[in-house]
Amino acid sequence: MTTHPGTLTAATKRALDADPAALAVVDGSTRWTRGDLDERIRCVAVALRRGGAIEGSRVALLARPSASGIAALQAIGRVGAVAVPLGPTLTAGELGRARAVSKPTVVVHDADLARSAAAIAATRIDIDDVLAGSTDGATYGAEVNRDSEAPAVIVLTSGTTGGPKAAVLSHRAMMASADAWLAVLPPATGWLLATGLAHVAGLGTIWRAGVFGVPIVVAPGNDPVAILAALRADPHPSHVSLVPTTLTRLLDLPDATPPPTLLAVPLGGGPIGADLVRRARAAGWPVVPTYGLTEAASGVTALATEETSAHPSSAGRPLPGVQVVIDAPDPDGIGEIVVDTRARFSGYLDDAAATAAATTADGWLRTGDLGRLDDEGRLTVVDRRTDRIVRGGENVSPAEVEAVLLRHPAIQDAAVVGRPDPVYGQVPVAVVVVRPGTADPSDDALAAYCRQELARFKVPVAFDRRSSLPRTASGKLRRTALREAPEGDPA
């Protein structure tokens, strides 16, 4: 199914031009029509051209979810450049690693993130300054008609070697994902943006709404009270993508009843407990449990709301145009989840080895996750990637945290594993070996040390001491043994 052939840029521009007076973006007191949004996109595109962005340039976007952030994201595509969205909470070290991997030539940023932006690129464009100024009728040049296989966005993902990998997603991939979701979800009258711009869920929300011409409402922060209020207010968004952590916090509110205008809540970004699905359905939330990955431009499977009561542990059936198989299943039918989809990524930027490891010879995606399919084609995810920790929808690379801990003068060896958590799904826990002859630093001291280089969601919540770590004869860390051993047990 290809409802809108071509690029995301062309499809969103057609939707804006079709009805300039229609509502496009709501962000607090800001309410932009499609014509207003188009003009803001033009202003940022002019600034990008003046800053040297050309077709194929990589432009970092360092912005929180906002009306101006949406305009900046679309402006990057308007000049034929490739967006590299980055999380606003990244530390200086993380920003440096992101720069080294993605090599952007320009960074577009929120006004209060100017200092962070300086670590990304020499050419910096303050979105607020641009939108507050005048472009005096300037234009950004002719429309760029890029091929559908051209990169649209580069999303940084946590790698198992400690540094980020840059997943390249083409216009074809993002359009295929949008089309697949259009086919399985109820028709949307509006989307609430409740996830960050550096995640495929947030990017997907913006482009699904833009391509299919419905308003985007920006949720004011990750506040469950504000999210529920936004769902209940005009223009009453019918769809919102949530991570399990946010849904849990919503259900904890005294009045957690969703408005009748809410039609679909795609749920993903981390392990989804059956109890959470049951609780959400009992409270009237139209949840749609999903399974996906950045390399597939978000969703791979989805479970229809009406099936959740009977199958609360399932991630659902493959989306249209997607095939899912279980590779090398054991006697219980459990094996690696392997995926074929038109929404698959183009590869990891400048990393042919990692790309080859993530794909089969015929181009299917190796997810590294374990699952099984039932007789009706529904997927159950048994275990997430064994190394990566998904904390409230945020990916944590154990190797990245371990590298920081190993720089501490008192730490001889370190390992980081995920521990189940009722709120966040998983939280990182460190197991450390203190260097003989040195003072044992306190948990608070180790956490403070980590916070100097890591975003808060990556900092371990606990530090367990061992005399040694379990390793194979070749020296490889046996993470499974650490997960299974009781705290304090030397395994």
Protein backbone atom coordinates (compact mmCIF):
# COMPACT_ATOMS: atom_id res chain seq x y z
CA MET A 1 0.00 0.00 0.00
CA THR A 2 1.46 3.35 -1.01
CA THR A 3 -1.05 6.08 -0.34
CA HIS A 4 1.41 8.92 -0.86
CA PRO A 5 4.24 8.04 -3.24
CA GLY A 6 7.43 10.06 -3.13
CA THR A 7 9.00 11.74 -0.15
CA LEU A 8 7.74 12.79 3.24
CA THR A 9 8.48 16.39 2.29
CA ALA A 10 6.29 16.28 -0.82
CA ALA A 11 3.46 14.50 1.00
CA THR A 12 3.38 16.93 3.94
CA LYS A 13 3.58 19.94 1.62
CA ARG A 14 0.57 18.65 -0.33
CA ALA A 15 -1.41 18.33 2.90
CA LEU A 16 -0.49 21.86 3.97
CA ASP A 17 -1.45 23.33 0.59
CA ALA A 18 -4.73 21.41 0.41
CA ASP A 19 -6.39 23.45 3.20
CA PRO A 20 -4.22 26.30 4.54
CA ALA A 21 -6.93 27.41 7.00
CA ALA A 22 -7.20 24.04 8.75
CA LEU A 23 -5.68 23.61 12.20
CA ALA A 24 -2.18 22.08 12.09
CA VAL A 25 -0.45 22.47 15.47
CA VAL A 26 -1.54 23.22 19.03
CA ASP A 27 1.19 23.90 21.59
CA GLY A 28 -0.23 25.51 24.73
CA SER A 29 -1.60 28.90 23.66
CA THR A 30 -0.01 28.55 20.21
CA ARG A 31 -2.47 27.45 17.53
CA TRP A 32 -1.13 27.35 13.98
CA THR A 33 -3.12 26.72 10.85
CA ARG A 34 -1.51 24.75 8.04
CA GLY A 35 -0.74 28.07 6.39
CA ASP A 36 0.93 29.32 9.59
CA LEU A 37 2.99 26.15 9.85
CA ASP A 38 4.00 26.35 6.20
CA GLU A 39 5.26 29.91 6.73
CA ARG A 40 7.27 28.88 9.82
CA ILE A 41 8.77 25.98 7.87
CA ARG A 42 9.74 28.42 5.12
CA CYS A 43 11.43 30.75 7.63
CA VAL A 44 13.55 27.97 9.11
CA ALA A 45 14.33 26.64 5.61
CA VAL A 46 15.63 30.08 4.61
CA ALA A 47 17.86 30.14 7.70
CA LEU A 48 19.13 26.65 6.89
CA ARG A 49 20.03 27.68 3.35
CA ARG A 50 21.83 30.75 4.67
CA GLY A 51 23.65 28.49 7.12
CA GLY A 52 24.96 26.30 4.32
CA ALA A 53 22.52 23.39 4.41
CA ILE A 54 22.18 21.83 0.98
CA GLU A 55 20.67 18.67 -0.45
CA GLY A 56 22.07 15.71 1.45
CA SER A 57 23.49 17.78 4.32
CA ARG A 58 23.09 16.36 7.80
CA VAL A 59 21.33 18.78 10.12
CA ALA A 60 21.16 18.03 13.83
CA LEU A 61 17.93 18.95 15.60
CA LEU A 62 18.33 19.67 19.31
CA ALA A 63 14.82 20.57 20.42
CA ARG A 64 12.09 19.53 22.77
CA PRO A 65 8.65 18.62 21.40
CA SER A 66 7.11 21.95 20.41
CA ALA A 67 5.44 23.76 17.55
CA SER A 68 8.80 25.30 16.60
CA GLY A 69 10.50 21.90 16.77
CA ILE A 70 7.91 20.49 14.37
CA ALA A 71 8.53 23.39 11.97
CA ALA A 72 12.29 22.87 12.17
CA LEU A 73 12.03 19.13 11.51
CA GLN A 74 9.96 19.70 8.39
CA ALA A 75 12.20 22.56 7.24
CA ILE A 76 15.20 20.24 7.23
CA GLY A 77 13.40 18.02 4.75
CA ARG A 78 12.21 21.03 2.76
CA VAL A 79 15.79 21.94 1.80
CA GLY A 80 16.61 18.32 0.97
CA ALA A 81 18.75 17.80 4.06
CA VAL A 82 18.78 14.82 6.45
CA ALA A 83 17.52 15.34 10.00
CA VAL A 84 19.61 14.04 12.91
CA PRO A 85 17.38 14.51 15.97
CA LEU A 86 19.17 14.44 19.32
CA GLY A 87 17.82 14.21 22.85
CA PRO A 88 17.93 17.51 24.77
CA THR A 89 19.18 15.79 27.95
CA LEU A 90 22.38 14.37 26.45
CA THR A 91 25.55 15.20 28.33
CA ALA A 92 28.60 16.85 26.77
CA GLY A 93 30.28 13.47 26.34
CA GLU A 94 27.21 11.95 24.73
CA LEU A 95 26.84 14.94 22.41
CA GLY A 96 30.47 14.53 21.39
CA ARG A 97 29.93 10.86 20.55
CA ALA A 98 26.76 11.72 18.65
CA ARG A 99 28.66 14.32 16.63
CA ALA A 100 31.46 11.86 15.85
CA VAL A 101 29.00 9.28 14.53
CA SER A 102 26.59 11.51 12.59
CA LYS A 103 28.91 14.39 11.53
CA PRO A 104 26.23 17.09 11.09
CA THR A 105 27.24 20.33 9.37
CA VAL A 106 24.50 22.47 10.96
CA VAL A 107 22.53 22.27 14.21
CA VAL A 108 19.06 23.76 14.74
CA HIS A 109 18.24 24.21 18.41
CA ASP A 110 16.00 25.59 21.12
CA ALA A 111 17.22 28.90 22.56
CA ASP A 112 18.10 27.43 25.97
CA LEU A 113 20.10 24.60 24.39
CA ALA A 114 22.64 26.89 22.71
CA ARG A 115 25.49 25.63 24.87
CA SER A 116 24.77 22.01 24.00
CA ALA A 117 24.38 22.95 20.35
CA ALA A 118 27.91 24.37 20.36
CA ALA A 119 29.20 20.83 20.95
CA ILE A 120 27.44 19.57 17.82
CA ALA A 121 28.31 21.85 14.91
CA ALA A 122 30.02 25.16 14.20
CA THR A 123 26.97 26.52 12.38
CA ARG A 124 24.11 26.97 14.85
CA ILE A 125 20.58 28.17 14.16
CA ASP A 126 18.37 29.26 17.08
CA ILE A 127 14.81 28.31 16.12
CA ASP A 128 13.25 30.96 18.35
CA ASP A 129 15.43 33.72 16.88
CA VAL A 130 14.52 32.65 13.37
CA LEU A 131 10.78 32.57 14.03
CA ALA A 132 10.87 35.87 15.90
CA GLY A 133 12.69 37.63 13.04
CA SER A 134 11.82 38.48 9.48
CA THR A 135 13.06 36.79 6.34
CA ASP A 136 11.89 39.71 4.20
CA GLY A 137 10.26 37.50 1.62
CA ALA A 138 13.43 35.50 1.09
CA THR A 139 13.10 32.01 -0.34
CA TYR A 140 15.12 28.87 0.21
CA GLY A 141 15.29 28.07 -3.49
CA ALA A 142 13.55 25.52 -5.65
CA GLU A 143 11.74 22.59 -4.07
CA VAL A 144 14.05 19.60 -3.78
CA ASN A 145 12.51 16.47 -5.25
CA ARG A 146 14.58 13.73 -3.70
CA ASP A 147 14.32 10.06 -4.52
CA SER A 148 12.23 8.02 -2.07
CA GLU A 149 15.35 6.02 -1.16
CA ALA A 150 17.16 9.17 -0.06
CA PRO A 151 17.76 9.43 3.70
CA ALA A 152 15.08 11.34 5.57
CA VAL A 153 16.35 10.96 9.12
CA ILE A 154 19.24 9.44 11.04
CA VAL A 155 18.27 8.10 14.45
CA LEU A 156 20.95 7.32 16.98
CA THR A 157 20.48 4.06 18.84
CA SER A 158 22.38 2.57 21.76
CA GLY A 159 24.98 0.12 20.54
CA THR A 160 26.40 -2.90 22.33
CA THR A 161 29.95 -1.57 22.03
CA GLY A 162 29.33 1.50 24.18
CA GLY A 163 28.83 4.09 21.45
CA PRO A 164 25.73 5.04 19.48
CA LYS A 165 24.92 3.60 16.06
CA ALA A 166 23.30 5.82 13.45
CA ALA A 167 20.31 4.12 11.81
CA VAL A 168 19.53 5.67 8.43
CA LEU A 169 15.81 5.77 7.59
CA SER A 170 14.79 6.73 4.06
CA HIS A 171 11.68 8.57 2.91
CA ARG A 172 10.49 5.20 1.64
CA ALA A 173 10.87 3.62 5.07
CA MET A 174 9.06 6.38 6.94
CA MET A 175 6.26 6.54 4.36
CA ALA A 176 5.82 2.76 4.44
CA SER A 177 5.54 2.90 8.23
CA ALA A 178 2.96 5.69 8.08
CA ASP A 179 0.91 3.78 5.51
CA ALA A 180 1.01 0.59 7.58
CA TRP A 181 -0.27 2.39 10.66
CA LEU A 182 -3.00 4.10 8.64
CA ALA A 183 -4.25 0.67 7.61
CA VAL A 184 -4.54 -0.80 11.12
CA LEU A 185 -5.58 2.12 13.33
CA PRO A 186 -8.97 3.84 13.40
CA PRO A 187 -9.02 7.00 11.25
CA ALA A 188 -7.35 9.77 13.25
CA THR A 189 -8.78 13.24 13.85
CA GLY A 190 -5.58 14.36 15.60
CA TRP A 191 -2.40 13.07 17.26
CA LEU A 192 -1.06 14.00 20.68
CA LEU A 193 2.74 14.26 20.63
CA ALA A 194 3.83 12.75 23.97
CA THR A 195 7.27 11.40 23.01
CA GLY A 196 10.54 13.12 22.14
CA LEU A 197 11.73 14.14 18.70
CA ALA A 198 14.81 11.91 18.95
CA HIS A 199 12.70 8.74 18.92
CA VAL A 200 10.99 7.07 15.96
CA ALA A 201 7.70 7.21 17.89
CA GLY A 202 7.84 11.00 18.06
CA LEU A 203 8.99 11.31 14.47
CA GLY A 204 6.27 8.92 13.35
CA THR A 205 3.61 10.95 15.15
CA ILE A 206 4.67 14.16 13.41
CA TRP A 207 4.85 12.64 9.96
CA ARG A 208 1.67 10.56 10.25
CA ALA A 209 -0.26 13.65 11.26
CA GLY A 210 1.42 15.81 8.63
CA VAL A 211 1.05 13.40 5.72
CA PHE A 212 -2.60 12.62 6.46
CA GLY A 213 -3.58 16.17 7.33
CA VAL A 214 -4.71 16.06 10.97
CA PRO A 215 -3.65 18.37 13.83
CA ILE A 216 -0.75 17.67 16.16
CA VAL A 217 -1.22 18.62 19.81
CA VAL A 218 2.00 18.94 21.78
CA ALA A 219 1.81 17.43 25.26
CA PRO A 220 3.29 19.89 27.77
CA GLY A 221 6.16 17.86 29.14
CA ASN A 222 6.06 14.28 30.35
CA ASP A 223 3.38 15.16 32.89
CA PRO A 224 0.49 12.67 33.10
CA VAL A 225 -1.92 15.33 34.38
CA ALA A 226 -1.08 17.58 31.42
CA ILE A 227 -1.30 14.70 28.95
CA LEU A 228 -4.78 13.74 30.18
CA ALA A 229 -5.87 17.38 30.10
CA ALA A 230 -4.63 17.73 26.52
CA LEU A 231 -6.57 14.62 25.48
CA ARG A 232 -9.72 16.11 26.99
CA ALA A 233 -9.30 19.57 25.46
CA ASP A 234 -10.10 20.96 22.01
CA PRO A 235 -9.23 19.69 19.39
CA HIS A 236 -9.50 16.35 21.32
CA PRO A 237 -6.66 14.27 19.80
CA SER A 238 -7.93 10.81 18.89
CA HIS A 239 -4.53 9.07 18.90
CA VAL A 240 -1.47 9.10 21.16
CA SER A 241 1.60 6.86 21.27
CA LEU A 242 2.78 6.11 24.80
CA VAL A 243 5.55 4.16 26.49
CA PRO A 244 4.46 1.81 29.30
CA THR A 245 5.93 4.08 31.98
CA THR A 246 3.79 7.02 30.93
CA LEU A 247 0.65 4.90 30.74
CA THR A 248 1.33 3.56 34.23
CA ARG A 249 1.57 7.12 35.56
CA LEU A 250 -1.66 8.06 33.80
CA LEU A 251 -3.47 5.11 35.34
CA ASP A 252 -2.22 6.17 38.77
CA LEU A 253 -4.12 9.47 38.54
CA PRO A 254 -7.22 9.80 40.75
CA ASP A 255 -9.38 10.26 37.65
CA ALA A 256 -7.77 8.19 34.89
CA THR A 257 -10.81 7.88 32.64
CA PRO A 258 -9.91 8.81 29.05
CA PRO A 259 -12.26 10.96 26.97
CA PRO A 260 -14.60 9.15 24.53
CA THR A 261 -12.83 10.95 21.66
CA LEU A 262 -9.67 8.91 22.30
CA LEU A 263 -9.67 6.06 19.79
CA ALA A 264 -6.20 4.48 19.85
CA VAL A 265 -3.17 4.35 22.17
CA PRO A 266 -0.29 2.55 20.45
CA LEU A 267 1.87 1.26 23.29
CA GLY A 268 5.55 0.42 22.83
CA GLY A 269 9.12 1.42 23.52
CA GLY A 270 9.73 -1.23 26.15
CA PRO A 271 8.41 -4.40 27.77
CA ILE A 272 4.62 -4.32 28.10
CA GLY A 273 3.29 -6.28 31.04
CA ALA A 274 0.04 -8.20 30.75
CA ASP A 275 -1.12 -6.64 34.03
CA LEU A 276 -0.66 -3.15 32.59
CA VAL A 277 -2.72 -4.06 29.52
CA ARG A 278 -5.50 -5.49 31.69
CA ARG A 279 -5.46 -2.46 33.96
CA ALA A 280 -5.61 -0.04 31.03
CA ARG A 281 -8.51 -1.84 29.41
CA ALA A 282 -10.41 -1.93 32.72
CA ALA A 283 -9.97 1.86 32.92
CA GLY A 284 -11.27 2.32 29.38
CA TRP A 285 -8.02 3.08 27.57
CA PRO A 286 -8.02 1.82 23.94
CA VAL A 287 -4.49 0.44 24.08
CA VAL A 288 -2.84 -1.10 21.04
CA PRO A 289 0.19 -3.10 22.26
CA THR A 290 2.97 -3.08 19.69
CA TYR A 291 6.42 -4.41 18.99
CA GLY A 292 8.91 -2.47 16.94
CA LEU A 293 12.44 -1.21 16.55
CA THR A 294 14.21 1.84 15.20
CA GLU A 295 15.59 -0.14 12.28
CA ALA A 296 12.01 -0.81 11.10
CA ALA A 297 10.95 2.86 11.45
CA SER A 298 8.92 1.98 14.59
CA GLY A 299 6.13 -0.61 14.62
CA VAL A 300 6.38 -4.15 13.30
CA THR A 301 3.32 -5.72 14.95
CA ALA A 302 0.18 -4.41 16.67
CA LEU A 303 -2.59 -6.02 18.69
CA ALA A 304 -6.08 -4.68 18.04
CA THR A 305 -7.69 -3.23 21.16
CA GLU A 306 -10.56 -5.71 20.97
CA GLU A 307 -8.07 -8.59 21.25
CA THR A 308 -6.25 -7.33 24.33
CA SER A 309 -8.60 -8.90 26.89
CA ALA A 310 -8.04 -12.39 25.49
CA HIS A 311 -4.33 -11.91 24.68
CA PRO A 312 -2.88 -9.34 27.10
CA SER A 313 0.68 -10.68 26.72
CA SER A 314 0.72 -10.46 22.93
CA ALA A 315 2.30 -7.78 20.75
CA GLY A 316 -0.14 -8.62 17.97
CA ARG A 317 0.03 -9.48 14.30
CA PRO A 318 2.41 -8.08 11.67
CA LEU A 319 1.39 -4.73 10.21
CA PRO A 320 0.39 -4.67 6.52
CA GLY A 321 3.45 -5.20 4.34
CA VAL A 322 5.40 -6.77 7.20
CA GLN A 323 6.45 -10.40 7.61
CA VAL A 324 7.64 -11.86 10.90
CA VAL A 325 9.27 -15.28 11.33
CA ILE A 326 10.93 -17.02 14.26
CA ASP A 327 14.43 -18.11 13.38
CA ALA A 328 15.76 -21.42 14.80
CA PRO A 329 12.85 -21.99 17.20
CA ASP A 330 13.37 -24.27 20.19
CA PRO A 331 10.86 -26.99 21.16
CA ASP A 332 8.64 -24.30 22.72
CA GLY A 333 8.64 -22.30 19.48
CA ILE A 334 10.92 -19.59 20.88
CA GLY A 335 13.62 -18.16 18.67
CA GLU A 336 14.96 -14.90 17.28
CA ILE A 337 12.37 -12.52 15.80
CA VAL A 338 13.31 -11.77 12.17
CA VAL A 339 11.42 -9.15 10.18
CA ASP A 340 10.89 -8.21 6.54
CA THR A 341 9.33 -4.81 5.89
CA ARG A 342 9.40 -1.98 3.37
CA ALA A 343 9.99 0.26 6.36
CA ARG A 344 13.40 -1.30 7.05
CA PHE A 345 16.36 1.00 7.49
CA SER A 346 19.01 1.59 4.84
CA GLY A 347 21.78 0.56 7.22
CA TYR A 348 23.96 2.04 9.93
CA LEU A 349 25.84 5.12 8.79
CA ASP A 350 29.45 4.29 7.89
CA ASP A 351 29.22 0.91 9.63
CA ALA A 352 28.97 -1.90 7.11
CA ALA A 353 29.89 -4.55 9.69
CA ALA A 354 27.07 -3.58 12.06
CA THR A 355 24.63 -3.38 9.14
CA ALA A 356 25.60 -6.87 7.98
CA ALA A 357 25.19 -8.22 11.50
CA ALA A 358 21.69 -6.74 11.75
CA THR A 359 20.41 -8.16 8.46
CA THR A 360 20.14 -11.52 6.75
CA ALA A 361 21.56 -12.27 3.31
CA ASP A 362 18.19 -11.48 1.74
CA GLY A 363 17.68 -8.22 3.62
CA TRP A 364 15.50 -9.23 6.57
CA LEU A 365 16.11 -7.54 9.92
CA ARG A 366 17.62 -9.56 12.75
CA THR A 367 16.10 -8.03 15.86
CA GLY A 368 18.14 -9.91 18.44
CA ASP A 369 14.92 -10.33 20.43
CA LEU A 370 13.34 -13.65 21.34
CA GLY A 371 9.69 -14.43 20.66
CA ARG A 372 7.15 -16.93 19.45
CA LEU A 373 4.15 -16.86 17.13
CA ASP A 374 0.82 -18.47 18.00
CA ASP A 375 -1.35 -20.40 15.56
CA GLU A 376 -3.10 -17.19 14.46
CA GLY A 377 0.11 -15.28 13.78
CA ARG A 378 0.21 -13.21 16.96
CA LEU A 379 3.67 -12.43 18.31
CA THR A 380 4.66 -12.75 21.95
CA VAL A 381 7.99 -11.15 22.83
CA VAL A 382 9.72 -13.40 25.35
CA ASP A 383 12.84 -11.35 25.96
CA ARG A 384 14.22 -8.07 24.76
CA ARG A 385 17.74 -7.68 23.47
CA THR A 386 19.80 -9.40 26.12
CA ASP A 387 22.27 -6.55 26.55
CA ARG A 388 20.22 -3.43 25.93
CA ILE A 389 18.11 -2.09 28.79
CA VAL A 390 14.85 -0.28 27.98
CA ARG A 391 14.05 2.10 30.83
CA GLY A 392 10.71 3.83 30.38
CA GLY A 393 11.10 3.83 26.60
CA GLU A 394 14.75 5.02 26.71
CA ASN A 395 17.48 2.67 25.49
CA VAL A 396 20.46 2.20 27.81
CA SER A 397 23.64 0.60 26.49
CA PRO A 398 25.30 -1.38 29.32
CA ALA A 399 28.68 -1.04 27.61
CA GLU A 400 28.40 2.76 27.62
CA VAL A 401 27.68 2.84 31.37
CA GLU A 402 30.38 0.26 32.07
CA ALA A 403 32.94 2.37 30.20
CA VAL A 404 32.18 5.31 32.50
CA LEU A 405 32.39 3.20 35.66
CA LEU A 406 35.71 1.70 34.59
CA ARG A 407 37.20 5.19 34.42
CA HIS A 408 36.58 5.59 38.17
CA PRO A 409 39.92 5.08 39.94
CA ALA A 410 38.40 2.74 42.55
CA ILE A 411 36.61 0.42 40.11
CA GLN A 412 38.52 -2.55 38.74
CA ASP A 413 35.68 -4.25 36.85
CA ALA A 414 32.04 -3.40 36.15
CA ALA A 415 28.94 -4.83 34.55
CA VAL A 416 25.49 -3.34 34.05
CA VAL A 417 22.31 -5.38 33.73
CA GLY A 418 18.60 -4.63 33.67
CA ARG A 419 16.38 -5.25 36.66
CA PRO A 420 12.59 -5.54 36.26
CA ASP A 421 10.77 -2.48 37.58
CA PRO A 422 6.99 -2.03 37.97
CA VAL A 423 7.09 1.59 36.78
CA TYR A 424 9.90 1.79 34.21
CA GLY A 425 9.83 -1.78 32.92
CA GLN A 426 13.57 -2.08 33.49
CA VAL A 427 16.20 -0.08 35.38
CA PRO A 428 19.99 -0.36 35.11
CA VAL A 429 21.86 -1.94 38.03
CA ALA A 430 25.65 -2.00 38.24
CA VAL A 431 27.77 -4.84 39.58
CA VAL A 432 31.26 -3.60 40.43
CA VAL A 433 34.56 -5.00 41.65
CA VAL A 434 36.43 -2.52 43.84
CA ARG A 435 40.15 -2.21 43.14
CA PRO A 436 42.21 -3.78 45.94
CA GLY A 437 43.85 -1.25 48.23
CA THR A 438 41.38 1.56 47.42
CA ALA A 439 38.50 2.90 49.47
CA ASP A 440 35.08 1.61 48.45
CA PRO A 441 33.13 4.59 47.09
CA SER A 442 29.54 4.91 48.25
CA ASP A 443 26.55 4.32 45.96
CA ASP A 444 25.83 8.04 45.98
CA ALA A 445 29.41 8.81 44.99
CA LEU A 446 29.31 6.34 42.09
CA ALA A 447 25.95 7.69 40.92
CA ALA A 448 27.27 11.25 41.05
CA TYR A 449 30.34 10.19 39.06
CA CYS A 450 28.12 8.63 36.38
CA ARG A 451 25.90 11.70 36.17
CA GLN A 452 28.90 13.75 35.07
CA GLU A 453 28.96 11.86 31.77
CA LEU A 454 25.58 10.16 31.39
CA ALA A 455 21.98 11.26 31.08
CA ARG A 456 20.08 10.53 34.29
CA PHE A 457 18.07 7.67 32.81
CA LYS A 458 21.34 5.81 32.14
CA VAL A 459 22.67 6.10 35.70
CA PRO A 460 22.39 2.82 37.66
CA VAL A 461 19.83 2.82 40.46
CA ALA A 462 21.94 0.46 42.58
CA PHE A 463 25.54 -0.74 42.84
CA ASP A 464 26.26 -4.31 43.91
CA ARG A 465 29.78 -5.28 45.02
CA ARG A 466 31.37 -8.59 43.99
CA SER A 467 34.86 -10.02 44.38
CA SER A 468 34.80 -10.92 40.66
CA LEU A 469 32.47 -10.98 37.68
CA PRO A 470 31.37 -14.17 35.90
CA ARG A 471 33.20 -14.47 32.59
CA THR A 472 33.78 -17.16 29.99
CA ALA A 473 37.19 -18.69 29.34
CA SER A 474 37.71 -16.11 26.60
CA GLY A 475 36.90 -13.30 29.05
CA LYS A 476 33.42 -12.49 27.76
CA LEU A 477 31.03 -11.30 30.45
CA ARG A 478 28.24 -13.76 31.32
CA ARG A 479 25.39 -11.28 31.78
CA THR A 480 22.82 -14.04 32.11
CA ALA A 481 24.57 -15.31 35.23
CA LEU A 482 24.50 -11.82 36.71
CA ARG A 483 20.79 -11.45 36.01
CA GLU A 484 19.96 -14.80 37.54
CA ALA A 485 22.20 -14.59 40.62
CA PRO A 486 20.76 -13.07 43.82
CA GLU A 487 22.23 -9.75 44.92
CA GLY A 488 25.53 -10.29 46.68
CA ASP A 489 25.96 -13.80 45.25
CA PRO A 490 29.32 -13.99 43.47
CA ALA A 491 27.71 -16.21 40.78
